[in-house]
Amino acid sequence: AYSGGLFEYSAVPQSLLIPIPEDVDPSLAVLCQPAGTVIFALQQLGPVFGKKVVVLGQGPIGLIFTELLVKAGASQVIVSDVI
């Protein structure tokens, strides 16, 4: 059976789930995984303070990269997107 993304419901082991408090808006909670991915990538990249950086693509991941690079003190953040 196909096990790719874009399923409304998917069966996974309970041990892989992280409960979200009831008072957290699901539309915000869904951003935790993409934000975590970007934070991990930035940790691998190392300090960007004072550096010029380029972000290719301004989808959800690219937008998070752009915001965090600015907050991390990059001297110039250049973005590129098809649209």
N, C-alpha and C. Protein backbone atom coordinates (compact mmCIF):
# COMPACT_ATOMS: atom_id res chain seq x y z
N ALA A 1 0.84 -1.19 0.00
CA ALA A 1 0.00 0.00 0.00
C ALA A 1 0.88 1.24 0.00
N TYR A 2 0.38 2.29 -0.60
CA TYR A 2 1.09 3.57 -0.67
C TYR A 2 1.18 4.16 0.73
N SER A 3 2.37 4.62 1.12
CA SER A 3 2.53 5.19 2.46
C SER A 3 3.09 6.60 2.42
N GLY A 4 2.84 7.32 1.32
CA GLY A 4 3.34 8.69 1.19
C GLY A 4 2.50 9.68 1.97
N GLY A 5 2.77 10.94 1.78
CA GLY A 5 2.10 11.99 2.53
C GLY A 5 0.73 12.33 1.97
N LEU A 6 0.17 13.38 2.50
CA LEU A 6 -1.11 13.94 2.08
C LEU A 6 -2.30 13.05 2.42
N PHE A 7 -2.19 12.27 3.47
CA PHE A 7 -3.32 11.49 3.95
C PHE A 7 -4.02 12.28 5.05
N GLU A 8 -5.33 12.25 5.03
CA GLU A 8 -6.05 12.92 6.11
C GLU A 8 -5.87 12.16 7.42
N TYR A 9 -5.85 10.84 7.31
CA TYR A 9 -5.65 9.98 8.48
C TYR A 9 -4.58 8.96 8.16
N SER A 10 -3.75 8.65 9.12
CA SER A 10 -2.71 7.66 8.91
C SER A 10 -2.47 6.92 10.23
N ALA A 11 -2.36 5.62 10.18
CA ALA A 11 -2.10 4.83 11.38
C ALA A 11 -0.60 4.78 11.64
N VAL A 12 -0.20 5.23 12.81
CA VAL A 12 1.21 5.18 13.21
C VAL A 12 1.26 4.68 14.66
N PRO A 13 2.40 4.13 15.06
CA PRO A 13 2.52 3.69 16.46
C PRO A 13 2.37 4.88 17.42
N GLN A 14 1.68 4.66 18.51
CA GLN A 14 1.45 5.72 19.49
C GLN A 14 2.76 6.30 20.01
N SER A 15 3.81 5.48 20.05
CA SER A 15 5.11 5.94 20.57
C SER A 15 5.72 7.05 19.71
N LEU A 16 5.24 7.19 18.47
CA LEU A 16 5.77 8.23 17.58
C LEU A 16 4.99 9.54 17.67
N LEU A 17 3.93 9.56 18.44
CA LEU A 17 3.07 10.74 18.53
C LEU A 17 3.48 11.64 19.69
N ILE A 18 3.32 12.93 19.48
CA ILE A 18 3.56 13.91 20.54
C ILE A 18 2.25 14.62 20.78
N PRO A 19 1.71 14.52 21.99
CA PRO A 19 0.42 15.17 22.26
C PRO A 19 0.54 16.69 22.20
N ILE A 20 -0.49 17.31 21.68
CA ILE A 20 -0.55 18.77 21.60
C ILE A 20 -1.60 19.23 22.60
N PRO A 21 -1.26 20.16 23.47
CA PRO A 21 -2.25 20.65 24.45
C PRO A 21 -3.50 21.18 23.76
N GLU A 22 -4.64 21.00 24.40
CA GLU A 22 -5.93 21.39 23.81
C GLU A 22 -6.01 22.89 23.54
N ASP A 23 -5.26 23.71 24.29
CA ASP A 23 -5.34 25.15 24.11
C ASP A 23 -4.44 25.67 22.98
N VAL A 24 -3.73 24.77 22.28
CA VAL A 24 -2.87 25.17 21.16
C VAL A 24 -3.67 25.04 19.87
N ASP A 25 -3.69 26.11 19.10
CA ASP A 25 -4.40 26.12 17.82
C ASP A 25 -3.73 25.14 16.86
N PRO A 26 -4.47 24.16 16.32
CA PRO A 26 -3.87 23.18 15.41
C PRO A 26 -3.19 23.81 14.19
N SER A 27 -3.69 24.96 13.73
CA SER A 27 -3.07 25.61 12.57
C SER A 27 -1.68 26.14 12.91
N LEU A 28 -1.39 26.37 14.18
CA LEU A 28 -0.04 26.76 14.61
C LEU A 28 0.80 25.53 14.93
N ALA A 29 0.18 24.54 15.54
CA ALA A 29 0.90 23.33 15.94
C ALA A 29 1.50 22.62 14.73
N VAL A 30 0.82 22.70 13.60
CA VAL A 30 1.30 22.01 12.40
C VAL A 30 2.63 22.59 11.91
N LEU A 31 2.98 23.78 12.35
CA LEU A 31 4.24 24.40 11.95
C LEU A 31 5.44 23.93 12.78
N CYS A 32 5.19 23.17 13.83
CA CYS A 32 6.29 22.71 14.69
C CYS A 32 7.30 21.86 13.94
N GLN A 33 6.82 20.92 13.13
CA GLN A 33 7.75 20.04 12.41
C GLN A 33 8.59 20.81 11.39
N PRO A 34 7.97 21.65 10.53
CA PRO A 34 8.82 22.42 9.59
C PRO A 34 9.80 23.35 10.31
N ALA A 35 9.34 24.00 11.37
CA ALA A 35 10.23 24.90 12.11
C ALA A 35 11.37 24.11 12.74
N GLY A 36 11.07 22.94 13.28
CA GLY A 36 12.12 22.10 13.87
C GLY A 36 13.14 21.67 12.84
N THR A 37 12.68 21.36 11.64
CA THR A 37 13.59 20.97 10.56
C THR A 37 14.54 22.12 10.22
N VAL A 38 14.00 23.34 10.14
CA VAL A 38 14.83 24.50 9.83
C VAL A 38 15.81 24.79 10.96
N ILE A 39 15.36 24.70 12.20
CA ILE A 39 16.25 24.94 13.34
C ILE A 39 17.39 23.93 13.33
N PHE A 40 17.09 22.66 13.07
CA PHE A 40 18.14 21.64 13.00
C PHE A 40 19.14 21.98 11.88
N ALA A 41 18.63 22.36 10.70
CA ALA A 41 19.51 22.70 9.58
C ALA A 41 20.40 23.90 9.92
N LEU A 42 19.84 24.90 10.59
CA LEU A 42 20.63 26.07 10.96
C LEU A 42 21.71 25.71 11.98
N GLN A 43 21.41 24.78 12.87
CA GLN A 43 22.43 24.32 13.82
C GLN A 43 23.58 23.64 13.09
N GLN A 44 23.27 22.90 12.04
CA GLN A 44 24.31 22.24 11.25
C GLN A 44 25.13 23.26 10.45
N LEU A 45 24.48 24.34 10.05
CA LEU A 45 25.12 25.38 9.25
C LEU A 45 26.15 26.17 10.06
N GLY A 46 25.85 26.41 11.30
CA GLY A 46 26.75 27.19 12.14
C GLY A 46 26.36 28.66 12.14
N PRO A 47 27.16 29.50 12.79
CA PRO A 47 26.82 30.92 12.93
C PRO A 47 26.70 31.63 11.58
N VAL A 48 25.66 32.45 11.47
CA VAL A 48 25.46 33.23 10.24
C VAL A 48 25.58 34.73 10.51
N PHE A 49 25.85 35.10 11.75
CA PHE A 49 25.93 36.51 12.11
C PHE A 49 26.93 37.23 11.21
N GLY A 50 26.46 38.30 10.57
CA GLY A 50 27.32 39.11 9.72
C GLY A 50 27.58 38.54 8.34
N LYS A 51 26.98 37.40 8.00
CA LYS A 51 27.21 36.78 6.69
C LYS A 51 26.07 37.07 5.73
N LYS A 52 26.39 37.01 4.43
CA LYS A 52 25.37 37.09 3.39
C LYS A 52 24.89 35.67 3.10
N VAL A 53 23.58 35.49 3.03
CA VAL A 53 23.02 34.16 2.78
C VAL A 53 21.95 34.24 1.70
N VAL A 54 21.72 33.10 1.05
CA VAL A 54 20.70 33.01 0.01
C VAL A 54 19.74 31.89 0.38
N VAL A 55 18.46 32.16 0.26
CA VAL A 55 17.42 31.16 0.48
C VAL A 55 16.71 30.93 -0.85
N LEU A 56 16.78 29.71 -1.35
CA LEU A 56 16.14 29.37 -2.62
C LEU A 56 14.76 28.80 -2.33
N GLY A 57 13.74 29.52 -2.75
CA GLY A 57 12.36 29.09 -2.53
C GLY A 57 11.76 29.76 -1.31
N GLN A 58 10.54 30.25 -1.46
CA GLN A 58 9.86 30.91 -0.35
C GLN A 58 8.53 30.25 -0.02
N GLY A 59 8.56 28.92 -0.05
CA GLY A 59 7.43 28.17 0.48
C GLY A 59 7.51 28.22 2.00
N PRO A 60 6.75 27.39 2.69
CA PRO A 60 6.76 27.42 4.16
C PRO A 60 8.15 27.26 4.77
N ILE A 61 8.94 26.32 4.27
CA ILE A 61 10.28 26.09 4.81
C ILE A 61 11.18 27.29 4.51
N GLY A 62 11.14 27.79 3.28
CA GLY A 62 11.96 28.93 2.90
C GLY A 62 11.62 30.18 3.70
N LEU A 63 10.33 30.39 3.96
CA LEU A 63 9.93 31.55 4.76
C LEU A 63 10.45 31.44 6.19
N ILE A 64 10.41 30.23 6.75
CA ILE A 64 10.93 30.05 8.11
C ILE A 64 12.44 30.26 8.12
N PHE A 65 13.14 29.72 7.11
CA PHE A 65 14.59 29.96 6.99
C PHE A 65 14.86 31.46 6.95
N THR A 66 14.15 32.17 6.10
CA THR A 66 14.37 33.61 5.93
C THR A 66 14.21 34.34 7.25
N GLU A 67 13.13 34.07 7.95
CA GLU A 67 12.86 34.74 9.23
C GLU A 67 13.94 34.44 10.26
N LEU A 68 14.32 33.18 10.37
CA LEU A 68 15.31 32.82 11.39
C LEU A 68 16.71 33.31 11.04
N LEU A 69 17.04 33.37 9.76
CA LEU A 69 18.34 33.90 9.35
C LEU A 69 18.44 35.39 9.69
N VAL A 70 17.35 36.12 9.46
CA VAL A 70 17.33 37.54 9.82
C VAL A 70 17.51 37.69 11.33
N LYS A 71 16.75 36.90 12.09
CA LYS A 71 16.84 36.98 13.55
C LYS A 71 18.21 36.54 14.07
N ALA A 72 18.90 35.67 13.31
CA ALA A 72 20.24 35.20 13.72
C ALA A 72 21.33 36.20 13.37
N GLY A 73 20.95 37.30 12.70
CA GLY A 73 21.92 38.36 12.46
C GLY A 73 22.65 38.31 11.13
N ALA A 74 22.14 37.56 10.16
CA ALA A 74 22.77 37.58 8.84
C ALA A 74 22.76 39.02 8.32
N SER A 75 23.88 39.44 7.73
CA SER A 75 23.96 40.83 7.28
C SER A 75 23.09 41.08 6.06
N GLN A 76 22.89 40.07 5.25
CA GLN A 76 22.03 40.20 4.07
C GLN A 76 21.41 38.83 3.79
N VAL A 77 20.09 38.82 3.64
CA VAL A 77 19.37 37.60 3.30
C VAL A 77 18.74 37.83 1.92
N ILE A 78 19.23 37.10 0.94
CA ILE A 78 18.73 37.19 -0.43
C ILE A 78 17.80 36.02 -0.64
N VAL A 79 16.60 36.29 -1.17
CA VAL A 79 15.64 35.21 -1.42
C VAL A 79 15.32 35.15 -2.90
N SER A 80 15.02 33.93 -3.33
CA SER A 80 14.66 33.71 -4.72
C SER A 80 13.49 32.75 -4.77
N ASP A 81 12.54 33.02 -5.65
CA ASP A 81 11.40 32.14 -5.81
C ASP A 81 10.88 32.27 -7.23
N VAL A 82 10.26 31.24 -7.72
CA VAL A 82 9.74 31.24 -9.08
C VAL A 82 8.63 32.27 -9.24
N ILE A 83 7.83 32.44 -8.21
CA ILE A 83 6.67 33.36 -8.31
C ILE A 83 7.07 34.76 -7.90
